[in-house]
Amino acid sequence: MDALHDLAGRLDDAGETLARLARRLPYAGPPEAALDPTSPGRPGEIGRLLHRQWLTALDDRIRELSAAADRLADTAAALRSAAREYADADDAVRRRLAGEA
């Protein structure tokens, strides 16, 4: 059962890493000013569109990272539960066999 607990711990670590990345991702990339959205005419319009597209893509990645982190945490919890149930079954079998001896 130690292997299941070890795997659950690694999944928790991976999930925490993804969650941490999701929190830091909004700060990635160029600031809005780098795309010069205040320029007159077409260049400013393109800058605003690019920045909006960048923010939308970041939001999508943040949601995906958060969902993956949640799934990893759920999987880790399921592994721990399975390990407990296996251990309980092993104990029950040991007790039953000891009673038959």
C-alpha atoms as a PDB file:
ATOM      1  CA  MET A   1       0.000   0.000   0.000  1.00  0.00           C
ATOM      2  CA  ASP A   2       3.011   2.241   0.403  1.00  0.00           C
ATOM      3  CA  ALA A   3       3.321   2.434  -3.382  1.00  0.00           C
ATOM      4  CA  LEU A   4      -0.225   3.789  -3.633  1.00  0.00           C
ATOM      5  CA  HIS A   5       0.450   6.352  -0.910  1.00  0.00           C
ATOM      6  CA  ASP A   6       3.699   7.360  -2.624  1.00  0.00           C
ATOM      7  CA  LEU A   7       1.926   7.752  -5.958  1.00  0.00           C
ATOM      8  CA  ALA A   8      -0.832   9.778  -4.287  1.00  0.00           C
ATOM      9  CA  GLY A   9       1.815  12.061  -2.791  1.00  0.00           C
ATOM     10  CA  ARG A  10       3.435  12.575  -6.184  1.00  0.00           C
ATOM     11  CA  LEU A  11       0.055  13.363  -7.722  1.00  0.00           C
ATOM     12  CA  ASP A  12      -0.600  15.881  -4.942  1.00  0.00           C
ATOM     13  CA  ASP A  13       2.779  17.490  -5.641  1.00  0.00           C
ATOM     14  CA  ALA A  14       2.032  17.679  -9.361  1.00  0.00           C
ATOM     15  CA  GLY A  15      -1.389  19.170  -8.668  1.00  0.00           C
ATOM     16  CA  GLU A  16       0.101  21.779  -6.349  1.00  0.00           C
ATOM     17  CA  THR A  17       2.646  22.676  -9.029  1.00  0.00           C
ATOM     18  CA  LEU A  18      -0.125  23.128 -11.599  1.00  0.00           C
ATOM     19  CA  ALA A  19      -2.190  25.218  -9.174  1.00  0.00           C
ATOM     20  CA  ARG A  20       0.827  27.402  -8.421  1.00  0.00           C
ATOM     21  CA  LEU A  21       1.446  27.850 -12.150  1.00  0.00           C
ATOM     22  CA  ALA A  22      -2.207  28.782 -12.662  1.00  0.00           C
ATOM     23  CA  ARG A  23      -1.855  31.510 -10.018  1.00  0.00           C
ATOM     24  CA  ARG A  24       1.306  32.879 -11.649  1.00  0.00           C
ATOM     25  CA  LEU A  25       0.177  32.651 -15.269  1.00  0.00           C
ATOM     26  CA  PRO A  26      -1.752  35.954 -15.289  1.00  0.00           C
ATOM     27  CA  TYR A  27       1.586  37.719 -14.870  1.00  0.00           C
ATOM     28  CA  ALA A  28       3.118  36.042 -17.920  1.00  0.00           C
ATOM     29  CA  GLY A  29       3.549  37.769 -21.208  1.00  0.00           C
ATOM     30  CA  PRO A  30       3.778  41.328 -22.332  1.00  0.00           C
ATOM     31  CA  PRO A  31       2.036  44.176 -20.574  1.00  0.00           C
ATOM     32  CA  GLU A  32      -0.765  45.812 -22.505  1.00  0.00           C
ATOM     33  CA  ALA A  33       1.404  48.848 -23.248  1.00  0.00           C
ATOM     34  CA  ALA A  34       3.874  46.663 -25.170  1.00  0.00           C
ATOM     35  CA  LEU A  35       1.222  46.098 -27.827  1.00  0.00           C
ATOM     36  CA  ASP A  36       0.636  49.840 -28.096  1.00  0.00           C
ATOM     37  CA  PRO A  37      -3.167  49.755 -27.871  1.00  0.00           C
ATOM     38  CA  THR A  38      -3.363  53.532 -27.603  1.00  0.00           C
ATOM     39  CA  SER A  39      -1.875  54.143 -31.037  1.00  0.00           C
ATOM     40  CA  PRO A  40      -4.275  55.824 -33.398  1.00  0.00           C
ATOM     41  CA  GLY A  41      -5.867  53.914 -36.223  1.00  0.00           C
ATOM     42  CA  ARG A  42      -5.215  50.368 -37.272  1.00  0.00           C
ATOM     43  CA  PRO A  43      -2.026  49.769 -35.208  1.00  0.00           C
ATOM     44  CA  GLY A  44      -3.884  50.598 -31.984  1.00  0.00           C
ATOM     45  CA  GLU A  45      -6.831  48.454 -32.995  1.00  0.00           C
ATOM     46  CA  ILE A  46      -4.515  45.522 -33.715  1.00  0.00           C
ATOM     47  CA  GLY A  47      -2.722  46.084 -30.397  1.00  0.00           C
ATOM     48  CA  ARG A  48      -6.023  46.004 -28.496  1.00  0.00           C
ATOM     49  CA  LEU A  49      -7.165  42.873 -30.339  1.00  0.00           C
ATOM     50  CA  LEU A  50      -3.862  41.107 -29.703  1.00  0.00           C
ATOM     51  CA  HIS A  51      -3.946  41.978 -26.022  1.00  0.00           C
ATOM     52  CA  ARG A  52      -7.562  40.819 -25.686  1.00  0.00           C
ATOM     53  CA  GLN A  53      -6.684  37.566 -27.473  1.00  0.00           C
ATOM     54  CA  TRP A  54      -3.672  37.095 -25.188  1.00  0.00           C
ATOM     55  CA  LEU A  55      -5.821  37.580 -22.080  1.00  0.00           C
ATOM     56  CA  THR A  56      -8.463  35.169 -23.380  1.00  0.00           C
ATOM     57  CA  ALA A  57      -5.810  32.525 -24.079  1.00  0.00           C
ATOM     58  CA  LEU A  58      -4.319  33.015 -20.604  1.00  0.00           C
ATOM     59  CA  ASP A  59      -7.745  32.677 -18.985  1.00  0.00           C
ATOM     60  CA  ASP A  60      -8.327  29.451 -20.910  1.00  0.00           C
ATOM     61  CA  ARG A  61      -4.949  28.033 -19.825  1.00  0.00           C
ATOM     62  CA  ILE A  62      -5.600  29.056 -16.207  1.00  0.00           C
ATOM     63  CA  ARG A  63      -8.933  27.207 -16.235  1.00  0.00           C
ATOM     64  CA  GLU A  64      -7.290  24.148 -17.807  1.00  0.00           C
ATOM     65  CA  LEU A  65      -4.459  24.151 -15.262  1.00  0.00           C
ATOM     66  CA  SER A  66      -6.890  24.535 -12.374  1.00  0.00           C
ATOM     67  CA  ALA A  67      -9.085  21.721 -13.684  1.00  0.00           C
ATOM     68  CA  ALA A  68      -6.065  19.439 -14.120  1.00  0.00           C
ATOM     69  CA  ALA A  69      -4.882  20.269 -10.594  1.00  0.00           C
ATOM     70  CA  ASP A  70      -8.336  19.396  -9.240  1.00  0.00           C
ATOM     71  CA  ARG A  71      -8.375  16.099 -11.158  1.00  0.00           C
ATOM     72  CA  LEU A  72      -4.942  15.190  -9.802  1.00  0.00           C
ATOM     73  CA  ALA A  73      -6.097  15.944  -6.251  1.00  0.00           C
ATOM     74  CA  ASP A  74      -9.217  13.813  -6.777  1.00  0.00           C
ATOM     75  CA  THR A  75      -7.108  10.964  -8.163  1.00  0.00           C
ATOM     76  CA  ALA A  76      -4.721  11.181  -5.204  1.00  0.00           C
ATOM     77  CA  ALA A  77      -7.665  11.023  -2.800  1.00  0.00           C
ATOM     78  CA  ALA A  78      -9.074   8.001  -4.655  1.00  0.00           C
ATOM     79  CA  LEU A  79      -5.700   6.245  -4.442  1.00  0.00           C
ATOM     80  CA  ARG A  80      -5.532   6.863  -0.701  1.00  0.00           C
ATOM     81  CA  SER A  81      -9.051   5.528  -0.308  1.00  0.00           C
ATOM     82  CA  ALA A  82      -8.186   2.430  -2.352  1.00  0.00           C
ATOM     83  CA  ALA A  83      -5.060   1.875  -0.251  1.00  0.00           C
ATOM     84  CA  ARG A  84      -7.160   2.060   2.945  1.00  0.00           C
ATOM     85  CA  GLU A  85      -9.694  -0.378   1.537  1.00  0.00           C
ATOM     86  CA  TYR A  86      -6.953  -2.796   0.452  1.00  0.00           C
ATOM     87  CA  ALA A  87      -5.383  -2.578   3.904  1.00  0.00           C
ATOM     88  CA  ASP A  88      -8.772  -3.168   5.550  1.00  0.00           C
ATOM     89  CA  ALA A  89      -9.382  -6.194   3.323  1.00  0.00           C
ATOM     90  CA  ASP A  90      -5.922  -7.565   4.130  1.00  0.00           C
ATOM     91  CA  ASP A  91      -6.588  -7.129   7.854  1.00  0.00           C
ATOM     92  CA  ALA A  92      -9.962  -8.860   7.583  1.00  0.00           C
ATOM     93  CA  VAL A  93      -8.406 -11.798   5.747  1.00  0.00           C
ATOM     94  CA  ARG A  94      -5.608 -12.056   8.330  1.00  0.00           C
ATOM     95  CA  ARG A  95      -8.133 -12.086  11.172  1.00  0.00           C
ATOM     96  CA  ARG A  96     -10.268 -14.680   9.436  1.00  0.00           C
ATOM     97  CA  LEU A  97      -7.282 -16.910   8.678  1.00  0.00           C
ATOM     98  CA  ALA A  98      -6.025 -16.545  12.254  1.00  0.00           C
ATOM     99  CA  GLY A  99      -9.454 -17.608  13.494  1.00  0.00           C
ATOM    100  CA  GLU A 100      -9.441 -20.690  11.263  1.00  0.00           C
ATOM    101  CA  ALA A 101      -5.993 -21.821  12.417  1.00  0.00           C
END
